[in-house]
Amino acid sequence: MVISDMGFRAEEGADFIRSIRANPRLKTLPIIVLSGSPNPRPAYAAGANAFVAKTIDVDSFFEKIRVLMHFWMEVVELPRSSGTE
C-alpha cells in the first residue's frame, strides 16, 4: 500500500501515481492520497484508490487515518503477490 500526499502542486502527486500505475507489477497496489486540497479529482484521475482530505482538527484527522488503516488492512481482500503475473 502507498500512502502519499499530492504535494504542493497536484501535478507532482498525479505524476507519482501515474508512474506507479504504469508499472505492470504495481498496477494493483492500493494508493491512498492524503491532501490539504478538498478536490479529489486529480488523485482519482491519476489512478488513486482513495482520497482523504486533511483536516485542521488533529483528532478528526487521526480518526480518519485509523478508519482508513482498518479498512485497507483488515476489511479489504487484496490480491496476493504470487511473484509472477
PDB file of N, CA and C in Angstrom:
ATOM      1  N   MET A   1       0.840  -1.165   0.000  1.00  0.00           N
ATOM      2  CA  MET A   1       0.000   0.000   0.000  1.00  0.00           C
ATOM      3  C   MET A   1       0.891   1.236   0.000  1.00  0.00           C
ATOM      4  N   VAL A   2       0.465   2.237  -0.752  1.00  0.00           N
ATOM      5  CA  VAL A   2       1.162   3.518  -0.797  1.00  0.00           C
ATOM      6  C   VAL A   2       0.236   4.569  -0.205  1.00  0.00           C
ATOM      7  N   ILE A   3       0.752   5.334   0.735  1.00  0.00           N
ATOM      8  CA  ILE A   3       0.038   6.494   1.256  1.00  0.00           C
ATOM      9  C   ILE A   3       0.869   7.696   0.855  1.00  0.00           C
ATOM     10  N   SER A   4       0.261   8.596   0.095  1.00  0.00           N
ATOM     11  CA  SER A   4       1.009   9.714  -0.467  1.00  0.00           C
ATOM     12  C   SER A   4       0.237  11.014  -0.325  1.00  0.00           C
ATOM     13  N   ASP A   5       0.985  12.084  -0.269  1.00  0.00           N
ATOM     14  CA  ASP A   5       0.411  13.419  -0.324  1.00  0.00           C
ATOM     15  C   ASP A   5       0.433  13.837  -1.789  1.00  0.00           C
ATOM     16  N   MET A   6      -0.474  14.692  -2.188  1.00  0.00           N
ATOM     17  CA  MET A   6      -0.477  15.165  -3.568  1.00  0.00           C
ATOM     18  C   MET A   6       0.634  16.182  -3.811  1.00  0.00           C
ATOM     19  N   GLY A   7       1.270  16.670  -2.752  1.00  0.00           N
ATOM     20  CA  GLY A   7       2.353  17.639  -2.917  1.00  0.00           C
ATOM     21  C   GLY A   7       1.822  19.053  -3.008  1.00  0.00           C
ATOM     22  N   PHE A   8       2.738  19.998  -3.098  1.00  0.00           N
ATOM     23  CA  PHE A   8       2.332  21.396  -3.200  1.00  0.00           C
ATOM     24  C   PHE A   8       1.625  21.661  -4.516  1.00  0.00           C
ATOM     25  N   ARG A   9       2.066  20.995  -5.546  1.00  0.00           N
ATOM     26  CA  ARG A   9       1.382  21.082  -6.846  1.00  0.00           C
ATOM     27  C   ARG A   9       0.754  19.707  -7.099  1.00  0.00           C
ATOM     28  N   ALA A  10      -0.535  19.705  -7.317  1.00  0.00           N
ATOM     29  CA  ALA A  10      -1.246  18.430  -7.511  1.00  0.00           C
ATOM     30  C   ALA A  10      -0.636  17.607  -8.629  1.00  0.00           C
ATOM     31  N   GLU A  11      -0.050  18.266  -9.620  1.00  0.00           N
ATOM     32  CA  GLU A  11       0.527  17.534 -10.754  1.00  0.00           C
ATOM     33  C   GLU A  11       1.701  16.655 -10.320  1.00  0.00           C
ATOM     34  N   GLU A  12       2.466  17.078  -9.311  1.00  0.00           N
ATOM     35  CA  GLU A  12       3.568  16.244  -8.810  1.00  0.00           C
ATOM     36  C   GLU A  12       3.033  14.935  -8.256  1.00  0.00           C
ATOM     37  N   GLY A  13       1.992  15.026  -7.443  1.00  0.00           N
ATOM     38  CA  GLY A  13       1.388  13.823  -6.880  1.00  0.00           C
ATOM     39  C   GLY A  13       0.763  12.958  -7.955  1.00  0.00           C
ATOM     40  N   ALA A  14       0.109  13.598  -8.914  1.00  0.00           N
ATOM     41  CA  ALA A  14      -0.519  12.856 -10.015  1.00  0.00           C
ATOM     42  C   ALA A  14       0.536  12.130 -10.839  1.00  0.00           C
ATOM     43  N   ASP A  15       1.657  12.779 -11.092  1.00  0.00           N
ATOM     44  CA  ASP A  15       2.745  12.124 -11.843  1.00  0.00           C
ATOM     45  C   ASP A  15       3.262  10.907 -11.085  1.00  0.00           C
ATOM     46  N   PHE A  16       3.396  11.031  -9.764  1.00  0.00           N
ATOM     47  CA  PHE A  16       3.851   9.918  -8.937  1.00  0.00           C
ATOM     48  C   PHE A  16       2.882   8.733  -9.044  1.00  0.00           C
ATOM     49  N   ILE A  17       1.594   9.015  -8.940  1.00  0.00           N
ATOM     50  CA  ILE A  17       0.578   7.952  -9.031  1.00  0.00           C
ATOM     51  C   ILE A  17       0.606   7.309 -10.419  1.00  0.00           C
ATOM     52  N   ARG A  18       0.672   8.128 -11.454  1.00  0.00           N
ATOM     53  CA  ARG A  18       0.707   7.579 -12.822  1.00  0.00           C
ATOM     54  C   ARG A  18       1.941   6.713 -13.044  1.00  0.00           C
ATOM     55  N   SER A  19       3.083   7.080 -12.435  1.00  0.00           N
ATOM     56  CA  SER A  19       4.291   6.262 -12.604  1.00  0.00           C
ATOM     57  C   SER A  19       4.117   4.893 -11.951  1.00  0.00           C
ATOM     58  N   ILE A  20       3.407   4.835 -10.838  1.00  0.00           N
ATOM     59  CA  ILE A  20       3.122   3.542 -10.206  1.00  0.00           C
ATOM     60  C   ILE A  20       2.180   2.734 -11.093  1.00  0.00           C
ATOM     61  N   ARG A  21       1.125   3.364 -11.571  1.00  0.00           N
ATOM     62  CA  ARG A  21       0.145   2.666 -12.419  1.00  0.00           C
ATOM     63  C   ARG A  21       0.741   2.200 -13.744  1.00  0.00           C
ATOM     64  N   ALA A  22       1.800   2.832 -14.209  1.00  0.00           N
ATOM     65  CA  ALA A  22       2.429   2.449 -15.472  1.00  0.00           C
ATOM     66  C   ALA A  22       3.259   1.174 -15.333  1.00  0.00           C
ATOM     67  N   ASN A  23       3.592   0.797 -14.121  1.00  0.00           N
ATOM     68  CA  ASN A  23       4.386  -0.404 -13.875  1.00  0.00           C
ATOM     69  C   ASN A  23       3.440  -1.599 -13.741  1.00  0.00           C
ATOM     70  N   PRO A  24       3.488  -2.560 -14.658  1.00  0.00           N
ATOM     71  CA  PRO A  24       2.564  -3.701 -14.607  1.00  0.00           C
ATOM     72  C   PRO A  24       2.608  -4.471 -13.289  1.00  0.00           C
ATOM     73  N   ARG A  25       3.752  -4.526 -12.653  1.00  0.00           N
ATOM     74  CA  ARG A  25       3.865  -5.260 -11.381  1.00  0.00           C
ATOM     75  C   ARG A  25       3.210  -4.519 -10.217  1.00  0.00           C
ATOM     76  N   LEU A  26       2.961  -3.219 -10.376  1.00  0.00           N
ATOM     77  CA  LEU A  26       2.406  -2.415  -9.287  1.00  0.00           C
ATOM     78  C   LEU A  26       0.985  -1.929  -9.544  1.00  0.00           C
ATOM     79  N   LYS A  27       0.402  -2.328 -10.669  1.00  0.00           N
ATOM     80  CA  LYS A  27      -0.881  -1.739 -11.043  1.00  0.00           C
ATOM     81  C   LYS A  27      -2.023  -2.066 -10.080  1.00  0.00           C
ATOM     82  N   THR A  28      -1.914  -3.117  -9.272  1.00  0.00           N
ATOM     83  CA  THR A  28      -2.962  -3.414  -8.287  1.00  0.00           C
ATOM     84  C   THR A  28      -2.615  -2.904  -6.891  1.00  0.00           C
ATOM     85  N   LEU A  29      -1.464  -2.249  -6.748  1.00  0.00           N
ATOM     86  CA  LEU A  29      -1.051  -1.704  -5.459  1.00  0.00           C
ATOM     87  C   LEU A  29      -2.014  -0.592  -5.036  1.00  0.00           C
ATOM     88  N   PRO A  30      -2.618  -0.707  -3.852  1.00  0.00           N
ATOM     89  CA  PRO A  30      -3.524   0.359  -3.410  1.00  0.00           C
ATOM     90  C   PRO A  30      -2.758   1.661  -3.177  1.00  0.00           C
ATOM     91  N   ILE A  31      -3.326   2.754  -3.675  1.00  0.00           N
ATOM     92  CA  ILE A  31      -2.743   4.079  -3.492  1.00  0.00           C
ATOM     93  C   ILE A  31      -3.775   4.954  -2.797  1.00  0.00           C
ATOM     94  N   ILE A  32      -3.406   5.438  -1.614  1.00  0.00           N
ATOM     95  CA  ILE A  32      -4.264   6.309  -0.833  1.00  0.00           C
ATOM     96  C   ILE A  32      -3.609   7.680  -0.787  1.00  0.00           C
ATOM     97  N   VAL A  33      -4.368   8.699  -1.100  1.00  0.00           N
ATOM     98  CA  VAL A  33      -3.847  10.060  -1.129  1.00  0.00           C
ATOM     99  C   VAL A  33      -4.398  10.851   0.051  1.00  0.00           C
ATOM    100  N   LEU A  34      -3.496  11.501   0.770  1.00  0.00           N
ATOM    101  CA  LEU A  34      -3.863  12.461   1.806  1.00  0.00           C
ATOM    102  C   LEU A  34      -3.559  13.829   1.224  1.00  0.00           C
ATOM    103  N   SER A  35      -4.488  14.756   1.363  1.00  0.00           N
ATOM    104  CA  SER A  35      -4.260  16.054   0.735  1.00  0.00           C
ATOM    105  C   SER A  35      -4.903  17.179   1.528  1.00  0.00           C
ATOM    106  N   GLY A  36      -4.251  18.331   1.497  1.00  0.00           N
ATOM    107  CA  GLY A  36      -4.825  19.533   2.076  1.00  0.00           C
ATOM    108  C   GLY A  36      -5.873  20.142   1.165  1.00  0.00           C
ATOM    109  N   SER A  37      -5.910  19.702  -0.068  1.00  0.00           N
ATOM    110  CA  SER A  37      -6.898  20.193  -1.029  1.00  0.00           C
ATOM    111  C   SER A  37      -8.216  19.436  -0.837  1.00  0.00           C
ATOM    112  N   PRO A  38      -9.331  20.126  -0.982  1.00  0.00           N
ATOM    113  CA  PRO A  38     -10.611  19.423  -0.893  1.00  0.00           C
ATOM    114  C   PRO A  38     -11.018  18.761  -2.214  1.00  0.00           C
ATOM    115  N   ASN A  39     -10.197  18.919  -3.260  1.00  0.00           N
ATOM    116  CA  ASN A  39     -10.551  18.417  -4.589  1.00  0.00           C
ATOM    117  C   ASN A  39      -9.903  17.055  -4.851  1.00  0.00           C
ATOM    118  N   PRO A  40     -10.680  15.979  -4.856  1.00  0.00           N
ATOM    119  CA  PRO A  40     -10.117  14.654  -5.086  1.00  0.00           C
ATOM    120  C   PRO A  40      -9.894  14.301  -6.553  1.00  0.00           C
ATOM    121  N   ARG A  41     -10.420  15.101  -7.472  1.00  0.00           N
ATOM    122  CA  ARG A  41     -10.387  14.745  -8.897  1.00  0.00           C
ATOM    123  C   ARG A  41      -8.992  14.429  -9.438  1.00  0.00           C
ATOM    124  N   PRO A  42      -7.962  15.261  -9.181  1.00  0.00           N
ATOM    125  CA  PRO A  42      -6.640  14.936  -9.736  1.00  0.00           C
ATOM    126  C   PRO A  42      -6.100  13.586  -9.253  1.00  0.00           C
ATOM    127  N   ALA A  43      -6.362  13.262  -8.000  1.00  0.00           N
ATOM    128  CA  ALA A  43      -5.876  11.985  -7.450  1.00  0.00           C
ATOM    129  C   ALA A  43      -6.578  10.808  -8.113  1.00  0.00           C
ATOM    130  N   TYR A  44      -7.886  10.875  -8.215  1.00  0.00           N
ATOM    131  CA  TYR A  44      -8.629   9.775  -8.835  1.00  0.00           C
ATOM    132  C   TYR A  44      -8.339   9.671 -10.332  1.00  0.00           C
ATOM    133  N   ALA A  45      -8.198  10.797 -10.998  1.00  0.00           N
ATOM    134  CA  ALA A  45      -7.896  10.781 -12.428  1.00  0.00           C
ATOM    135  C   ALA A  45      -6.542  10.132 -12.698  1.00  0.00           C
ATOM    136  N   ALA A  46      -5.615  10.270 -11.759  1.00  0.00           N
ATOM    137  CA  ALA A  46      -4.281   9.682 -11.921  1.00  0.00           C
ATOM    138  C   ALA A  46      -4.252   8.199 -11.581  1.00  0.00           C
ATOM    139  N   GLY A  47      -5.281   7.707 -10.860  1.00  0.00           N
ATOM    140  CA  GLY A  47      -5.332   6.283 -10.551  1.00  0.00           C
ATOM    141  C   GLY A  47      -5.342   5.932  -9.073  1.00  0.00           C
ATOM    142  N   ALA A  48      -5.570   6.909  -8.196  1.00  0.00           N
ATOM    143  CA  ALA A  48      -5.629   6.627  -6.755  1.00  0.00           C
ATOM    144  C   ALA A  48      -6.860   5.792  -6.434  1.00  0.00           C
ATOM    145  N   ASN A  49      -6.761   4.992  -5.377  1.00  0.00           N
ATOM    146  CA  ASN A  49      -7.887   4.184  -4.923  1.00  0.00           C
ATOM    147  C   ASN A  49      -8.732   4.887  -3.875  1.00  0.00           C
ATOM    148  N   ALA A  50      -8.120   5.828  -3.149  1.00  0.00           N
ATOM    149  CA  ALA A  50      -8.846   6.540  -2.099  1.00  0.00           C
ATOM    150  C   ALA A  50      -8.228   7.917  -1.916  1.00  0.00           C
ATOM    151  N   PHE A  51      -9.053   8.844  -1.442  1.00  0.00           N
ATOM    152  CA  PHE A  51      -8.634  10.224  -1.207  1.00  0.00           C
ATOM    153  C   PHE A  51      -9.159  10.640   0.152  1.00  0.00           C
ATOM    154  N   VAL A  52      -8.283  11.189   0.985  1.00  0.00           N
ATOM    155  CA  VAL A  52      -8.673  11.686   2.296  1.00  0.00           C
ATOM    156  C   VAL A  52      -8.206  13.124   2.411  1.00  0.00           C
ATOM    157  N   ALA A  53      -9.156  14.036   2.634  1.00  0.00           N
ATOM    158  CA  ALA A  53      -8.806  15.442   2.827  1.00  0.00           C
ATOM    159  C   ALA A  53      -8.300  15.625   4.257  1.00  0.00           C
ATOM    160  N   LYS A  54      -7.159  16.294   4.383  1.00  0.00           N
ATOM    161  CA  LYS A  54      -6.611  16.589   5.704  1.00  0.00           C
ATOM    162  C   LYS A  54      -7.501  17.621   6.380  1.00  0.00           C
ATOM    163  N   THR A  55      -7.610  17.512   7.689  1.00  0.00           N
ATOM    164  CA  THR A  55      -8.393  18.469   8.458  1.00  0.00           C
ATOM    165  C   THR A  55      -7.490  19.189   9.448  1.00  0.00           C
ATOM    166  N   ILE A  56      -7.930  20.357   9.878  1.00  0.00           N
ATOM    167  CA  ILE A  56      -7.180  21.116  10.885  1.00  0.00           C
ATOM    168  C   ILE A  56      -7.298  20.442  12.240  1.00  0.00           C
ATOM    169  N   ASP A  57      -8.436  19.819  12.501  1.00  0.00           N
ATOM    170  CA  ASP A  57      -8.677  19.132  13.772  1.00  0.00           C
ATOM    171  C   ASP A  57      -7.870  17.833  13.794  1.00  0.00           C
ATOM    172  N   VAL A  58      -6.831  17.819  14.599  1.00  0.00           N
ATOM    173  CA  VAL A  58      -5.912  16.673  14.639  1.00  0.00           C
ATOM    174  C   VAL A  58      -6.629  15.390  15.047  1.00  0.00           C
ATOM    175  N   ASP A  59      -7.514  15.460  16.030  1.00  0.00           N
ATOM    176  CA  ASP A  59      -8.236  14.258  16.464  1.00  0.00           C
ATOM    177  C   ASP A  59      -9.082  13.683  15.329  1.00  0.00           C
ATOM    178  N   SER A  60      -9.757  14.557  14.600  1.00  0.00           N
ATOM    179  CA  SER A  60     -10.567  14.116  13.470  1.00  0.00           C
ATOM    180  C   SER A  60      -9.697  13.491  12.386  1.00  0.00           C
ATOM    181  N   PHE A  61      -8.553  14.107  12.116  1.00  0.00           N
ATOM    182  CA  PHE A  61      -7.645  13.577  11.104  1.00  0.00           C
ATOM    183  C   PHE A  61      -7.127  12.196  11.503  1.00  0.00           C
ATOM    184  N   PHE A  62      -6.712  12.046  12.757  1.00  0.00           N
ATOM    185  CA  PHE A  62      -6.215  10.746  13.213  1.00  0.00           C
ATOM    186  C   PHE A  62      -7.310   9.683  13.184  1.00  0.00           C
ATOM    187  N   GLU A  63      -8.551  10.073  13.453  1.00  0.00           N
ATOM    188  CA  GLU A  63      -9.656   9.119  13.364  1.00  0.00           C
ATOM    189  C   GLU A  63      -9.855   8.674  11.917  1.00  0.00           C
ATOM    190  N   LYS A  64      -9.744   9.609  10.975  1.00  0.00           N
ATOM    191  CA  LYS A  64      -9.835   9.235   9.567  1.00  0.00           C
ATOM    192  C   LYS A  64      -8.741   8.230   9.200  1.00  0.00           C
ATOM    193  N   ILE A  65      -7.525   8.475   9.670  1.00  0.00           N
ATOM    194  CA  ILE A  65      -6.410   7.575   9.379  1.00  0.00           C
ATOM    195  C   ILE A  65      -6.650   6.205  10.010  1.00  0.00           C
ATOM    196  N   ARG A  66      -7.154   6.186  11.251  1.00  0.00           N
ATOM    197  CA  ARG A  66      -7.438   4.914  11.927  1.00  0.00           C
ATOM    198  C   ARG A  66      -8.462   4.102  11.137  1.00  0.00           C
ATOM    199  N   VAL A  67      -9.539   4.746  10.700  1.00  0.00           N
ATOM    200  CA  VAL A  67     -10.587   4.065   9.930  1.00  0.00           C
ATOM    201  C   VAL A  67     -10.035   3.604   8.586  1.00  0.00           C
ATOM    202  N   LEU A  68      -9.253   4.443   7.952  1.00  0.00           N
ATOM    203  CA  LEU A  68      -8.633   4.101   6.678  1.00  0.00           C
ATOM    204  C   LEU A  68      -7.750   2.864   6.811  1.00  0.00           C
ATOM    205  N   MET A  69      -6.897   2.841   7.822  1.00  0.00           N
ATOM    206  CA  MET A  69      -5.999   1.700   8.027  1.00  0.00           C
ATOM    207  C   MET A  69      -6.800   0.430   8.342  1.00  0.00           C
ATOM    208  N   HIS A  70      -7.841   0.569   9.146  1.00  0.00           N
ATOM    209  CA  HIS A  70      -8.685  -0.597   9.444  1.00  0.00           C
ATOM    210  C   HIS A  70      -9.276  -1.163   8.148  1.00  0.00           C
ATOM    211  N   PHE A  71      -9.810  -0.286   7.318  1.00  0.00           N
ATOM    212  CA  PHE A  71     -10.412  -0.725   6.064  1.00  0.00           C
ATOM    213  C   PHE A  71      -9.400  -1.447   5.185  1.00  0.00           C
ATOM    214  N   TRP A  72      -8.242  -0.821   4.922  1.00  0.00           N
ATOM    215  CA  TRP A  72      -7.271  -1.379   3.982  1.00  0.00           C
ATOM    216  C   TRP A  72      -6.491  -2.552   4.553  1.00  0.00           C
ATOM    217  N   MET A  73      -6.350  -2.632   5.860  1.00  0.00           N
ATOM    218  CA  MET A  73      -5.541  -3.712   6.442  1.00  0.00           C
ATOM    219  C   MET A  73      -6.386  -4.881   6.960  1.00  0.00           C
ATOM    220  N   GLU A  74      -7.658  -4.627   7.318  1.00  0.00           N
ATOM    221  CA  GLU A  74      -8.456  -5.679   7.930  1.00  0.00           C
ATOM    222  C   GLU A  74      -9.732  -6.046   7.180  1.00  0.00           C
ATOM    223  N   VAL A  75     -10.272  -5.145   6.394  1.00  0.00           N
ATOM    224  CA  VAL A  75     -11.548  -5.392   5.729  1.00  0.00           C
ATOM    225  C   VAL A  75     -11.361  -5.851   4.289  1.00  0.00           C
ATOM    226  N   VAL A  76     -10.578  -5.115   3.527  1.00  0.00           N
ATOM    227  CA  VAL A  76     -10.409  -5.380   2.100  1.00  0.00           C
ATOM    228  C   VAL A  76      -9.597  -6.649   1.873  1.00  0.00           C
ATOM    229  N   GLU A  77      -9.985  -7.389   0.866  1.00  0.00           N
ATOM    230  CA  GLU A  77      -9.203  -8.556   0.444  1.00  0.00           C
ATOM    231  C   GLU A  77      -8.448  -8.166  -0.812  1.00  0.00           C
ATOM    232  N   LEU A  78      -7.145  -8.002  -0.665  1.00  0.00           N
ATOM    233  CA  LEU A  78      -6.295  -7.602  -1.775  1.00  0.00           C
ATOM    234  C   LEU A  78      -5.722  -8.831  -2.470  1.00  0.00           C
ATOM    235  N   PRO A  79      -5.352  -8.696  -3.739  1.00  0.00           N
ATOM    236  CA  PRO A  79      -4.721  -9.830  -4.434  1.00  0.00           C
ATOM    237  C   PRO A  79      -3.407 -10.186  -3.748  1.00  0.00           C
ATOM    238  N   ARG A  80      -3.163 -11.446  -3.644  1.00  0.00           N
ATOM    239  CA  ARG A  80      -1.899 -11.891  -3.053  1.00  0.00           C
ATOM    240  C   ARG A  80      -0.809 -11.803  -4.104  1.00  0.00           C
ATOM    241  N   SER A  81       0.364 -11.436  -3.656  1.00  0.00           N
ATOM    242  CA  SER A  81       1.505 -11.366  -4.568  1.00  0.00           C
ATOM    243  C   SER A  81       2.021 -12.779  -4.799  1.00  0.00           C
ATOM    244  N   SER A  82       2.032 -13.191  -6.067  1.00  0.00           N
ATOM    245  CA  SER A  82       2.493 -14.543  -6.384  1.00  0.00           C
ATOM    246  C   SER A  82       3.922 -14.532  -6.908  1.00  0.00           C
ATOM    247  N   GLY A  83       4.433 -13.328  -7.165  1.00  0.00           N
ATOM    248  CA  GLY A  83       5.781 -13.233  -7.737  1.00  0.00           C
ATOM    249  C   GLY A  83       5.799 -13.389  -9.242  1.00  0.00           C
ATOM    250  N   THR A  84       4.669 -13.805  -9.802  1.00  0.00           N
ATOM    251  CA  THR A  84       4.550 -13.934 -11.261  1.00  0.00           C
ATOM    252  C   THR A  84       3.251 -13.312 -11.700  1.00  0.00           C
ATOM    253  N   GLU A  85       3.162 -12.962 -12.937  1.00  0.00           N
ATOM    254  CA  GLU A  85       1.919 -12.388 -13.484  1.00  0.00           C
ATOM    255  C   GLU A  85       1.042 -13.481 -14.011  1.00  0.00           C
TER     256      GLU A  85
END
